[in-house]
C-alpha atoms as a PDB file:
ATOM      1  CA  MET A   1      93.046 106.615  28.493  1.00  0.00           C
ATOM      2  CA  TYR A   2      92.549 109.709  30.657  1.00  0.00           C
ATOM      3  CA  ARG A   3      90.064 110.937  28.113  1.00  0.00           C
ATOM      4  CA  PHE A   4      87.976 107.776  28.479  1.00  0.00           C
ATOM      5  CA  LEU A   5      88.151 107.914  32.283  1.00  0.00           C
ATOM      6  CA  SER A   6      87.050 111.539  32.217  1.00  0.00           C
ATOM      7  CA  LEU A   7      84.162 110.645  29.923  1.00  0.00           C
ATOM      8  CA  TYR A   8      83.202 107.751  32.222  1.00  0.00           C
ATOM      9  CA  PHE A   9      83.069 109.926  35.326  1.00  0.00           C
ATOM     10  CA  PHE A  10      81.237 112.639  33.390  1.00  0.00           C
ATOM     11  CA  CYS A  11      78.559 110.114  32.422  1.00  0.00           C
ATOM     12  CA  ILE A  12      78.182 108.983  36.042  1.00  0.00           C
ATOM     13  CA  ALA A  13      77.834 112.583  37.195  1.00  0.00           C
ATOM     14  CA  PHE A  14      75.379 113.339  34.376  1.00  0.00           C
ATOM     15  CA  ASP A  15      73.241 110.324  35.292  1.00  0.00           C
ATOM     16  CA  CYS A  16      73.175 111.361  38.961  1.00  0.00           C
ATOM     17  CA  ALA A  17      72.231 114.903  37.964  1.00  0.00           C
ATOM     18  CA  ALA A  18      69.447 113.541  35.738  1.00  0.00           C
ATOM     19  CA  GLN A  19      68.074 111.531  38.646  1.00  0.00           C
ATOM     20  CA  GLN A  20      68.177 114.602  40.861  1.00  0.00           C
ATOM     21  CA  HIS A  21      65.994 116.517  38.404  1.00  0.00           C
ATOM     22  CA  LYS A  22      63.563 113.746  37.487  1.00  0.00           C
ATOM     23  CA  GLN A  23      59.945 114.593  38.178  1.00  0.00           C
ATOM     24  CA  TYR A  24      56.713 112.706  38.744  1.00  0.00           C
ATOM     25  CA  LYS A  25      53.034 113.423  39.147  1.00  0.00           C
ATOM     26  CA  ASN A  26      50.216 111.820  41.162  1.00  0.00           C
ATOM     27  CA  PRO A  27      48.792 109.248  40.903  1.00  0.00           C
ATOM     28  CA  VAL A  28      51.784 106.914  40.726  1.00  0.00           C
ATOM     29  CA  PHE A  29      49.531 103.933  39.942  1.00  0.00           C
ATOM     30  CA  GLU A  30      45.941 103.356  38.856  1.00  0.00           C
ATOM     31  CA  PRO A  31      43.240 102.034  38.496  1.00  0.00           C
ATOM     32  CA  VAL A  32      43.339 100.461  41.988  1.00  0.00           C
ATOM     33  CA  LEU A  33      45.736  99.765  44.822  1.00  0.00           C
ATOM     34  CA  ALA A  34      43.917 100.215  48.118  1.00  0.00           C
ATOM     35  CA  ASP A  35      45.472  99.998  51.584  1.00  0.00           C
ATOM     36  CA  PRO A  36      49.049  99.829  50.246  1.00  0.00           C
ATOM     37  CA  SER A  37      52.000  98.092  51.862  1.00  0.00           C
ATOM     38  CA  VAL A  38      55.386  98.935  50.305  1.00  0.00           C
ATOM     39  CA  ILE A  39      58.695  97.162  50.877  1.00  0.00           C
ATOM     40  CA  ARG A  40      62.116  97.213  49.195  1.00  0.00           C
ATOM     41  CA  ASP A  41      63.935  94.018  48.267  1.00  0.00           C
ATOM     42  CA  PRO A  42      67.413  94.347  49.833  1.00  0.00           C
ATOM     43  CA  LYS A  43      68.914  92.057  47.194  1.00  0.00           C
ATOM     44  CA  THR A  44      67.583  93.655  43.994  1.00  0.00           C
ATOM     45  CA  GLY A  45      66.659  97.159  45.130  1.00  0.00           C
ATOM     46  CA  PHE A  46      63.199  96.853  43.565  1.00  0.00           C
ATOM     47  CA  PHE A  47      60.170  98.057  45.471  1.00  0.00           C
ATOM     48  CA  TYR A  48      57.036  95.957  45.807  1.00  0.00           C
ATOM     49  CA  ALA A  49      53.587  97.246  46.685  1.00  0.00           C
ATOM     50  CA  PHE A  50      50.703  95.072  47.869  1.00  0.00           C
ATOM     51  CA  GLY A  51      47.052  96.051  48.195  1.00  0.00           C
ATOM     52  CA  THR A  52      43.607  94.893  49.254  1.00  0.00           C
ATOM     53  CA  ALA A  53      42.039  92.220  47.024  1.00  0.00           C
ATOM     54  CA  ASP A  54      39.882  93.821  44.327  1.00  0.00           C
ATOM     55  CA  ASP A  55      38.350  93.205  40.923  1.00  0.00           C
ATOM     56  CA  TRP A  56      39.767  95.807  38.542  1.00  0.00           C
ATOM     57  CA  GLY A  57      36.991  95.235  36.003  1.00  0.00           C
ATOM     58  CA  ASP A  58      39.389  94.110  33.278  1.00  0.00           C
ATOM     59  CA  GLY A  59      38.169  90.523  32.983  1.00  0.00           C
ATOM     60  CA  ALA A  60      40.908  89.074  35.196  1.00  0.00           C
ATOM     61  CA  GLY A  61      38.523  88.599  38.099  1.00  0.00           C
ATOM     62  CA  GLN A  62      39.352  89.050  41.756  1.00  0.00           C
ATOM     63  CA  ARG A  63      43.000  89.821  42.380  1.00  0.00           C
ATOM     64  CA  TRP A  64      43.926  88.137  45.644  1.00  0.00           C
ATOM     65  CA  VAL A  65      46.315  90.790  46.938  1.00  0.00           C
ATOM     66  CA  PRO A  66      47.677  92.459  43.780  1.00  0.00           C
ATOM     67  CA  MET A  67      51.450  92.940  43.737  1.00  0.00           C
ATOM     68  CA  LEU A  68      53.222  95.789  41.910  1.00  0.00           C
ATOM     69  CA  GLN A  69      56.919  96.378  41.229  1.00  0.00           C
ATOM     70  CA  SER A  70      58.917  99.580  40.792  1.00  0.00           C
ATOM     71  CA  ALA A  71      62.533 100.703  40.604  1.00  0.00           C
ATOM     72  CA  ASN A  72      61.848 104.253  41.759  1.00  0.00           C
ATOM     73  CA  LEU A  73      58.443 104.504  43.539  1.00  0.00           C
ATOM     74  CA  THR A  74      57.027 106.606  40.678  1.00  0.00           C
ATOM     75  CA  GLU A  75      56.587 104.022  37.892  1.00  0.00           C
ATOM     76  CA  TRP A  76      54.771 100.867  38.929  1.00  0.00           C
ATOM     77  CA  HIS A  77      53.596  97.832  37.015  1.00  0.00           C
ATOM     78  CA  TYR A  78      51.409  94.934  38.030  1.00  0.00           C
ATOM     79  CA  VAL A  79      53.327  91.665  38.476  1.00  0.00           C
ATOM     80  CA  LYS A  80      50.842  89.077  39.757  1.00  0.00           C
ATOM     81  CA  ASN A  81      48.593  88.178  42.656  1.00  0.00           C
ATOM     82  CA  ALA A  82      50.558  87.552  45.835  1.00  0.00           C
ATOM     83  CA  LEU A  83      48.058  84.839  46.804  1.00  0.00           C
ATOM     84  CA  LYS A  84      47.089  82.171  44.279  1.00  0.00           C
ATOM     85  CA  GLN A  85      43.736  81.630  45.970  1.00  0.00           C
ATOM     86  CA  LYS A  86      41.606  82.931  48.790  1.00  0.00           C
ATOM     87  CA  PRO A  87      42.529  81.562  52.239  1.00  0.00           C
ATOM     88  CA  GLN A  88      40.038  79.043  53.614  1.00  0.00           C
ATOM     89  CA  TRP A  89      40.290  79.392  57.399  1.00  0.00           C
ATOM     90  CA  LYS A  90      37.235  81.657  57.499  1.00  0.00           C
ATOM     91  CA  LYS A  91      33.928  81.089  55.715  1.00  0.00           C
ATOM     92  CA  ALA A  92      33.300  84.539  54.277  1.00  0.00           C
ATOM     93  CA  GLY A  93      35.184  87.736  53.714  1.00  0.00           C
ATOM     94  CA  GLY A  94      37.642  89.628  51.590  1.00  0.00           C
ATOM     95  CA  ILE A  95      41.400  89.860  52.006  1.00  0.00           C
ATOM     96  CA  TRP A  96      42.180  93.411  53.077  1.00  0.00           C
ATOM     97  CA  ALA A  97      45.086  95.627  54.069  1.00  0.00           C
ATOM     98  CA  PRO A  98      48.118  93.342  53.671  1.00  0.00           C
ATOM     99  CA  ASP A  99      51.241  94.266  55.624  1.00  0.00           C
ATOM    100  CA  VAL A 100      54.452  92.755  54.220  1.00  0.00           C
ATOM    101  CA  ASN A 101      57.720  92.607  56.165  1.00  0.00           C
ATOM    102  CA  LEU A 102      61.016  90.741  56.193  1.00  0.00           C
ATOM    103  CA  VAL A 103      60.820  88.503  59.265  1.00  0.00           C
ATOM    104  CA  ASN A 104      63.296  85.782  60.211  1.00  0.00           C
ATOM    105  CA  GLY A 105      64.705  85.763  56.669  1.00  0.00           C
ATOM    106  CA  LYS A 106      61.329  85.291  54.980  1.00  0.00           C
ATOM    107  CA  TYR A 107      58.556  87.628  53.849  1.00  0.00           C
ATOM    108  CA  TYR A 108      55.542  87.677  56.133  1.00  0.00           C
ATOM    109  CA  MET A 109      52.228  89.058  54.921  1.00  0.00           C
ATOM    110  CA  TYR A 110      49.771  89.757  57.721  1.00  0.00           C
ATOM    111  CA  TYR A 111      46.310  90.440  56.310  1.00  0.00           C
ATOM    112  CA  ALA A 112      42.738  91.108  57.422  1.00  0.00           C
ATOM    113  CA  PHE A 113      39.970  88.616  56.595  1.00  0.00           C
ATOM    114  CA  SER A 114      36.614  90.354  56.850  1.00  0.00           C
ATOM    115  CA  THR A 115      33.288  91.369  55.359  1.00  0.00           C
ATOM    116  CA  TRP A 116      31.567  94.731  55.842  1.00  0.00           C
ATOM    117  CA  GLY A 117      29.978  94.626  59.291  1.00  0.00           C
ATOM    118  CA  ASP A 118      31.643  91.307  60.099  1.00  0.00           C
ATOM    119  CA  PRO A 119      30.938  90.340  63.742  1.00  0.00           C
ATOM    120  CA  ASN A 120      34.136  88.272  63.927  1.00  0.00           C
ATOM    121  CA  PRO A 121      36.832  89.373  61.467  1.00  0.00           C
ATOM    122  CA  GLY A 122      40.403  88.264  61.939  1.00  0.00           C
ATOM    123  CA  ILE A 123      44.062  88.579  61.030  1.00  0.00           C
ATOM    124  CA  GLY A 124      45.858  85.890  59.010  1.00  0.00           C
ATOM    125  CA  LEU A 125      49.417  85.257  57.853  1.00  0.00           C
ATOM    126  CA  ALA A 126      50.966  84.146  54.560  1.00  0.00           C
ATOM    127  CA  ILE A 127      54.700  83.583  54.029  1.00  0.00           C
ATOM    128  CA  ALA A 128      56.985  83.654  50.961  1.00  0.00           C
ATOM    129  CA  ASP A 129      60.675  82.844  50.588  1.00  0.00           C
ATOM    130  CA  SER A 130      61.151  85.869  48.317  1.00  0.00           C
ATOM    131  CA  LEU A 131      59.129  88.849  47.168  1.00  0.00           C
ATOM    132  CA  ASN A 132      58.826  87.280  43.716  1.00  0.00           C
ATOM    133  CA  GLY A 133      57.612  84.005  45.185  1.00  0.00           C
ATOM    134  CA  ASP A 134      54.092  82.916  46.020  1.00  0.00           C
ATOM    135  CA  PHE A 135      52.822  83.659  49.498  1.00  0.00           C
ATOM    136  CA  ILE A 136      51.628  80.459  51.158  1.00  0.00           C
ATOM    137  CA  ASP A 137      48.818  80.913  53.642  1.00  0.00           C
ATOM    138  CA  GLN A 138      49.588  79.879  57.227  1.00  0.00           C
ATOM    139  CA  GLY A 139      46.097  80.430  58.561  1.00  0.00           C
ATOM    140  CA  LYS A 140      44.715  82.470  61.436  1.00  0.00           C
ATOM    141  CA  VAL A 141      46.731  84.611  63.834  1.00  0.00           C
ATOM    142  CA  LEU A 142      43.753  85.928  65.793  1.00  0.00           C
ATOM    143  CA  LEU A 143      39.988  86.493  65.624  1.00  0.00           C
ATOM    144  CA  SER A 144      38.032  89.399  67.100  1.00  0.00           C
ATOM    145  CA  ALA A 145      36.124  87.123  69.446  1.00  0.00           C
ATOM    146  CA  GLU A 146      39.331  85.597  70.795  1.00  0.00           C
ATOM    147  CA  VAL A 147      40.908  88.924  71.758  1.00  0.00           C
ATOM    148  CA  ASN A 148      37.669  90.790  72.558  1.00  0.00           C
ATOM    149  CA  VAL A 149      38.475  93.577  70.082  1.00  0.00           C
ATOM    150  CA  PRO A 150      35.677  94.497  67.645  1.00  0.00           C
ATOM    151  CA  ASN A 151      36.574  94.958  63.977  1.00  0.00           C
ATOM    152  CA  SER A 152      39.987  93.289  64.226  1.00  0.00           C
ATOM    153  CA  ILE A 153      41.448  94.328  60.864  1.00  0.00           C
ATOM    154  CA  ASP A 154      44.329  96.444  59.478  1.00  0.00           C
ATOM    155  CA  PRO A 155      47.404  94.637  60.851  1.00  0.00           C
ATOM    156  CA  CYS A 156      50.779  96.325  61.289  1.00  0.00           C
ATOM    157  CA  PHE A 157      53.865  94.323  62.270  1.00  0.00           C
ATOM    158  CA  PHE A 158      56.675  95.940  64.242  1.00  0.00           C
ATOM    159  CA  GLU A 159      59.842  94.436  65.662  1.00  0.00           C
ATOM    160  CA  ASP A 160      61.641  96.256  68.460  1.00  0.00           C
ATOM    161  CA  GLU A 161      64.441  95.300  70.835  1.00  0.00           C
ATOM    162  CA  GLY A 162      64.261  91.644  69.814  1.00  0.00           C
ATOM    163  CA  LYS A 163      60.491  91.327  70.265  1.00  0.00           C
ATOM    164  CA  LYS A 164      57.789  91.078  67.614  1.00  0.00           C
ATOM    165  CA  TYR A 165      54.456  92.879  67.914  1.00  0.00           C
ATOM    166  CA  LEU A 166      51.216  93.088  65.984  1.00  0.00           C
ATOM    167  CA  PHE A 167      49.171  96.297  65.986  1.00  0.00           C
ATOM    168  CA  TRP A 168      45.603  96.105  64.715  1.00  0.00           C
ATOM    169  CA  GLY A 169      42.057  97.423  65.070  1.00  0.00           C
ATOM    170  CA  SER A 170      39.466  99.588  63.368  1.00  0.00           C
ATOM    171  CA  PHE A 171      36.374 101.749  63.769  1.00  0.00           C
ATOM    172  CA  SER A 172      33.957 100.845  66.537  1.00  0.00           C
ATOM    173  CA  ASP A 173      31.801 102.437  69.242  1.00  0.00           C
ATOM    174  CA  LEU A 174      31.668  99.334  71.438  1.00  0.00           C
ATOM    175  CA  PRO A 175      33.171  99.464  74.945  1.00  0.00           C
ATOM    176  CA  THR A 176      36.193  97.375  73.872  1.00  0.00           C
ATOM    177  CA  GLN A 177      36.845  99.474  70.751  1.00  0.00           C
ATOM    178  CA  GLY A 178      40.269 100.690  69.691  1.00  0.00           C
ATOM    179  CA  THR A 179      43.622  99.952  68.122  1.00  0.00           C
ATOM    180  CA  TYR A 180      45.646  97.451  70.139  1.00  0.00           C
ATOM    181  CA  ALA A 181      49.116  95.915  70.262  1.00  0.00           C
ATOM    182  CA  ILE A 182      50.068  92.412  71.306  1.00  0.00           C
ATOM    183  CA  GLU A 183      53.363  90.541  71.454  1.00  0.00           C
ATOM    184  CA  LEU A 184      53.880  87.710  68.980  1.00  0.00           C
ATOM    185  CA  SER A 185      55.805  84.473  69.369  1.00  0.00           C
ATOM    186  CA  ALA A 186      59.478  84.437  68.397  1.00  0.00           C
ATOM    187  CA  ASP A 187      58.614  83.030  64.967  1.00  0.00           C
ATOM    188  CA  GLY A 188      55.914  85.687  64.407  1.00  0.00           C
ATOM    189  CA  ARG A 189      53.254  83.115  63.556  1.00  0.00           C
ATOM    190  CA  THR A 190      51.133  83.176  66.700  1.00  0.00           C
ATOM    191  CA  VAL A 191      50.196  85.442  69.592  1.00  0.00           C
ATOM    192  CA  ALA A 192      52.429  84.999  72.638  1.00  0.00           C
ATOM    193  CA  ASP A 193      49.623  85.493  75.183  1.00  0.00           C
ATOM    194  CA  ILE A 194      46.087  86.222  73.948  1.00  0.00           C
ATOM    195  CA  ASN A 195      45.227  87.907  77.269  1.00  0.00           C
ATOM    196  CA  LYS A 196      48.033  90.471  77.150  1.00  0.00           C
ATOM    197  CA  LYS A 197      46.938  93.165  74.733  1.00  0.00           C
ATOM    198  CA  ILE A 198      47.537  96.894  75.166  1.00  0.00           C
ATOM    199  CA  LYS A 199      45.213  99.626  73.950  1.00  0.00           C
ATOM    200  CA  ILE A 200      47.083 102.121  71.795  1.00  0.00           C
ATOM    201  CA  ALA A 201      44.386 104.346  70.276  1.00  0.00           C
ATOM    202  CA  ALA A 202      40.648 104.994  70.404  1.00  0.00           C
ATOM    203  CA  GLY A 203      38.035 103.412  68.146  1.00  0.00           C
ATOM    204  CA  ASP A 204      37.824 106.354  65.742  1.00  0.00           C
ATOM    205  CA  TRP A 205      41.200 105.317  64.260  1.00  0.00           C
ATOM    206  CA  GLU A 206      42.120 102.559  61.811  1.00  0.00           C
ATOM    207  CA  ALA A 207      44.946 101.611  59.418  1.00  0.00           C
ATOM    208  CA  VAL A 208      47.716 101.942  62.000  1.00  0.00           C
ATOM    209  CA  MET A 209      51.345 102.276  60.862  1.00  0.00           C
ATOM    210  CA  ILE A 210      54.183 102.621  63.368  1.00  0.00           C
ATOM    211  CA  HIS A 211      57.353 104.480  62.373  1.00  0.00           C
ATOM    212  CA  LYS A 212      60.461 104.969  64.520  1.00  0.00           C
ATOM    213  CA  ARG A 213      62.539 108.122  64.083  1.00  0.00           C
ATOM    214  CA  GLY A 214      65.085 109.474  66.486  1.00  0.00           C
ATOM    215  CA  GLY A 215      63.857 109.020  70.021  1.00  0.00           C
ATOM    216  CA  TYR A 216      60.177 108.681  69.109  1.00  0.00           C
ATOM    217  CA  TYR A 217      57.728 106.112  67.817  1.00  0.00           C
ATOM    218  CA  TYR A 218      55.102 107.658  65.551  1.00  0.00           C
ATOM    219  CA  PHE A 219      51.553 106.350  65.208  1.00  0.00           C
ATOM    220  CA  PHE A 220      50.087 107.120  61.776  1.00  0.00           C
ATOM    221  CA  GLY A 221      46.391 106.297  61.450  1.00  0.00           C
ATOM    222  CA  SER A 222      43.316 107.122  59.378  1.00  0.00           C
ATOM    223  CA  LYS A 223      39.956 108.548  60.383  1.00  0.00           C
ATOM    224  CA  GLY A 224      36.762 109.326  58.469  1.00  0.00           C
ATOM    225  CA  SER A 225      34.926 107.351  55.787  1.00  0.00           C
ATOM    226  CA  CYS A 226      37.266 105.267  53.648  1.00  0.00           C
ATOM    227  CA  CYS A 227      34.989 103.895  50.995  1.00  0.00           C
ATOM    228  CA  GLU A 228      32.225 106.251  49.905  1.00  0.00           C
ATOM    229  CA  GLY A 229      33.797 107.058  46.570  1.00  0.00           C
ATOM    230  CA  LEU A 230      34.139 110.778  45.922  1.00  0.00           C
ATOM    231  CA  ASN A 231      32.330 111.462  49.223  1.00  0.00           C
ATOM    232  CA  SER A 232      35.038 109.689  51.227  1.00  0.00           C
ATOM    233  CA  LYS A 233      36.464 111.749  54.089  1.00  0.00           C
ATOM    234  CA  TYR A 234      39.495 109.623  54.921  1.00  0.00           C
ATOM    235  CA  HIS A 235      42.405 111.586  56.379  1.00  0.00           C
ATOM    236  CA  VAL A 236      45.608 110.747  58.249  1.00  0.00           C
ATOM    237  CA  LEU A 237      46.579 111.944  61.704  1.00  0.00           C
ATOM    238  CA  VAL A 238      49.608 111.303  63.899  1.00  0.00           C
ATOM    239  CA  GLY A 239      50.604 110.815  67.525  1.00  0.00           C
ATOM    240  CA  ARG A 240      54.001 110.023  69.012  1.00  0.00           C
ATOM    241  CA  SER A 241      55.489 108.282  72.035  1.00  0.00           C
ATOM    242  CA  LYS A 242      58.864 107.646  73.647  1.00  0.00           C
ATOM    243  CA  GLN A 243      57.788 104.008  74.078  1.00  0.00           C
ATOM    244  CA  LEU A 244      56.579 101.596  71.411  1.00  0.00           C
ATOM    245  CA  LEU A 245      53.547 100.607  73.463  1.00  0.00           C
ATOM    246  CA  GLY A 246      52.624 104.162  74.342  1.00  0.00           C
ATOM    247  CA  PRO A 247      51.163 106.351  75.569  1.00  0.00           C
ATOM    248  CA  TYR A 248      50.932 108.152  72.211  1.00  0.00           C
ATOM    249  CA  LEU A 249      50.149 111.869  72.374  1.00  0.00           C
ATOM    250  CA  ASP A 250      49.205 114.373  69.689  1.00  0.00           C
ATOM    251  CA  LYS A 251      50.980 117.709  69.227  1.00  0.00           C
ATOM    252  CA  GLU A 252      48.755 119.323  71.848  1.00  0.00           C
ATOM    253  CA  GLY A 253      49.667 116.643  74.383  1.00  0.00           C
ATOM    254  CA  HIS A 254      46.359 114.755  74.313  1.00  0.00           C
ATOM    255  CA  PRO A 255      46.453 110.928  74.450  1.00  0.00           C
ATOM    256  CA  ILE A 256      45.132 109.320  71.285  1.00  0.00           C
ATOM    257  CA  THR A 257      43.298 106.758  73.394  1.00  0.00           C
ATOM    258  CA  GLU A 258      40.723 109.565  73.675  1.00  0.00           C
ATOM    259  CA  ARG A 259      38.421 109.929  70.676  1.00  0.00           C
ATOM    260  CA  THR A 260      38.799 112.998  68.392  1.00  0.00           C
ATOM    261  CA  ARG A 261      42.522 113.338  69.187  1.00  0.00           C
ATOM    262  CA  GLY A 262      45.476 113.327  66.775  1.00  0.00           C
ATOM    263  CA  THR A 263      47.496 115.829  64.755  1.00  0.00           C
ATOM    264  CA  LEU A 264      46.440 116.219  61.118  1.00  0.00           C
ATOM    265  CA  LEU A 265      48.936 115.144  58.455  1.00  0.00           C
ATOM    266  CA  ILE A 266      46.918 114.916  55.222  1.00  0.00           C
ATOM    267  CA  GLN A 267      43.301 115.273  54.105  1.00  0.00           C
ATOM    268  CA  GLY A 268      41.289 115.547  50.911  1.00  0.00           C
ATOM    269  CA  ASN A 269      41.485 118.575  48.624  1.00  0.00           C
ATOM    270  CA  ASP A 270      39.918 119.710  45.347  1.00  0.00           C
ATOM    271  CA  ARG A 271      41.795 117.080  43.303  1.00  0.00           C
ATOM    272  CA  PHE A 272      42.257 114.031  45.535  1.00  0.00           C
ATOM    273  CA  VAL A 273      39.828 112.929  48.249  1.00  0.00           C
ATOM    274  CA  GLY A 274      39.623 110.051  50.716  1.00  0.00           C
ATOM    275  CA  THR A 275      43.380 110.180  51.251  1.00  0.00           C
ATOM    276  CA  GLY A 276      44.501 107.653  53.845  1.00  0.00           C
ATOM    277  CA  HIS A 277      45.691 104.184  54.853  1.00  0.00           C
ATOM    278  CA  ASN A 278      49.363 104.873  54.299  1.00  0.00           C
ATOM    279  CA  ALA A 279      52.213 102.418  53.790  1.00  0.00           C
ATOM    280  CA  ARG A 280      55.450 102.497  55.742  1.00  0.00           C
ATOM    281  CA  VAL A 281      57.674 105.526  55.250  1.00  0.00           C
ATOM    282  CA  ILE A 282      60.342 104.996  52.560  1.00  0.00           C
ATOM    283  CA  THR A 283      63.622 106.958  52.677  1.00  0.00           C
ATOM    284  CA  ASP A 284      65.458 107.601  49.394  1.00  0.00           C
ATOM    285  CA  ASP A 285      69.232 107.789  48.865  1.00  0.00           C
ATOM    286  CA  ASN A 286      69.222 111.522  49.510  1.00  0.00           C
ATOM    287  CA  GLY A 287      67.664 110.988  52.923  1.00  0.00           C
ATOM    288  CA  GLN A 288      64.246 112.285  51.839  1.00  0.00           C
ATOM    289  CA  ASP A 289      61.239 110.474  53.317  1.00  0.00           C
ATOM    290  CA  TRP A 290      58.270 109.494  51.127  1.00  0.00           C
ATOM    291  CA  PHE A 291      54.666 108.910  52.105  1.00  0.00           C
ATOM    292  CA  LEU A 292      52.606 106.450  50.030  1.00  0.00           C
ATOM    293  CA  TYR A 293      48.855 106.092  50.516  1.00  0.00           C
ATOM    294  CA  HIS A 294      45.608 105.677  48.601  1.00  0.00           C
ATOM    295  CA  GLY A 295      42.921 108.147  47.591  1.00  0.00           C
ATOM    296  CA  PHE A 296      40.305 108.966  44.951  1.00  0.00           C
ATOM    297  CA  ASP A 297      40.738 111.217  41.933  1.00  0.00           C
ATOM    298  CA  ALA A 298      37.912 113.758  42.309  1.00  0.00           C
ATOM    299  CA  ARG A 299      37.516 113.828  38.504  1.00  0.00           C
ATOM    300  CA  LYS A 300      36.788 110.104  38.245  1.00  0.00           C
ATOM    301  CA  GLY A 301      34.138 107.828  39.710  1.00  0.00           C
ATOM    302  CA  LYS A 302      34.092 104.090  40.307  1.00  0.00           C
ATOM    303  CA  LEU A 303      35.250 101.519  37.765  1.00  0.00           C
ATOM    304  CA  ASN A 304      32.588 100.195  35.395  1.00  0.00           C
ATOM    305  CA  ASN A 305      32.096  97.136  37.595  1.00  0.00           C
ATOM    306  CA  GLY A 306      31.470  99.262  40.693  1.00  0.00           C
ATOM    307  CA  THR A 307      34.905  98.847  42.302  1.00  0.00           C
ATOM    308  CA  ASP A 308      36.165 101.900  44.168  1.00  0.00           C
ATOM    309  CA  ARG A 309      38.948 103.553  42.171  1.00  0.00           C
ATOM    310  CA  ARG A 310      41.352 103.858  45.098  1.00  0.00           C
ATOM    311  CA  ILE A 311      44.612 104.882  43.442  1.00  0.00           C
ATOM    312  CA  LEU A 312      48.190 104.922  44.746  1.00  0.00           C
ATOM    313  CA  LEU A 313      49.503 108.377  45.658  1.00  0.00           C
ATOM    314  CA  MET A 314      52.849 109.608  46.973  1.00  0.00           C
ATOM    315  CA  ASP A 315      54.204 112.800  48.468  1.00  0.00           C
ATOM    316  CA  PRO A 316      57.415 113.875  50.219  1.00  0.00           C
ATOM    317  CA  LEU A 317      57.259 113.744  53.992  1.00  0.00           C
ATOM    318  CA  PHE A 318      59.046 116.506  55.891  1.00  0.00           C
ATOM    319  CA  TRP A 319      59.853 116.880  59.576  1.00  0.00           C
ATOM    320  CA  LYS A 320      59.557 120.020  61.680  1.00  0.00           C
ATOM    321  CA  ASP A 321      60.219 120.165  65.408  1.00  0.00           C
ATOM    322  CA  GLY A 322      59.927 116.385  65.628  1.00  0.00           C
ATOM    323  CA  TRP A 323      56.593 116.116  63.783  1.00  0.00           C
ATOM    324  CA  PRO A 324      55.866 114.868  60.249  1.00  0.00           C
ATOM    325  CA  GLU A 325      54.351 117.281  57.718  1.00  0.00           C
ATOM    326  CA  ILE A 326      53.092 117.160  54.147  1.00  0.00           C
ATOM    327  CA  ALA A 327      53.112 120.437  52.238  1.00  0.00           C
ATOM    328  CA  GLY A 328      49.603 121.849  52.025  1.00  0.00           C
ATOM    329  CA  GLN A 329      48.243 118.902  54.053  1.00  0.00           C
ATOM    330  CA  GLY A 330      46.908 117.393  50.819  1.00  0.00           C
ATOM    331  CA  ALA A 331      47.936 115.252  47.849  1.00  0.00           C
ATOM    332  CA  THR A 332      49.795 117.181  45.160  1.00  0.00           C
ATOM    333  CA  ALA A 333      48.503 117.232  41.591  1.00  0.00           C
ATOM    334  CA  THR A 334      51.432 119.093  39.997  1.00  0.00           C
ATOM    335  CA  LEU A 335      54.869 117.915  38.895  1.00  0.00           C
ATOM    336  CA  GLN A 336      57.348 117.553  41.737  1.00  0.00           C
ATOM    337  CA  LYS A 337      60.841 116.209  42.302  1.00  0.00           C
ATOM    338  CA  ALA A 338      61.026 112.426  42.268  1.00  0.00           C
ATOM    339  CA  PRO A 339      62.780 110.208  44.820  1.00  0.00           C
ATOM    340  CA  VAL A 340      66.471 109.553  44.157  1.00  0.00           C
ATOM    341  CA  PHE A 341      67.765 105.983  44.126  1.00  0.00           C
ATOM    342  CA  ASN A 342      71.315 105.433  42.901  1.00  0.00           C
END
């Protein structure tokens, strides 16, 4: 009996050691998963990734928010479209930049509804009972014209001290430009007061993601051209604040409400370009943080149907003196240690 117990514990130790030494290589998914949102199911342990609606050129047509599944963040497979059909509360536009969170026991997907150059884009909400279920559209949360914020896209939900907030906004040079935050109702379905918004960052940012660590809130956001194929200059910068609603400062102490500010985290390199629009930070069972985002493989162009080949990338996120860092400030193309999930 002792022999069998010894063998059992040896196998457990061997499996853990194998996980520790497992490796992966970018990209972690292709051909397309733009503007990723990643969440872990607390019941099953599986990860789910959601992306902007796109046609992958494989004959399946438009994927209304493609949904992927993974057990380890490195091996993903397509499951289905999170939405069965395009929402109808706006006449024209695509469904961009979904942000999926567990809210009040259900899964809330805030999404942008917009066209390129849209004078009145907006943010909508769809809800599912489980991550494997269908997301049912709930309609509009806000429109640009209602909140007087141009280019109202790229939602990010954050709950703090019992209150729910929506962060949103994108590139603009108009006087009311910027990324903003606003408090939501207790059920997260509507805006609490449309007149009470707070400017968080200038109009040269988009794709906001808020992350809390220690005594700071971190603002991750993207700048540069997102969608010019291999000429894309997307890159991610960071600011931090002691308060959720700011002010957020970069490493040099400049407020990110001023244009050109922010501390660089990641940018394009010889292999991967247009690196930006990151998902929420995921922490593995060894306490290592992981940064998931999209980019372009510099060796490949668009898909045959003209769709941008924005692939899913991942790199370890380190912290130094209270600031996030990615080694080399660019996406890695070589084998590296994989996340550990027991």
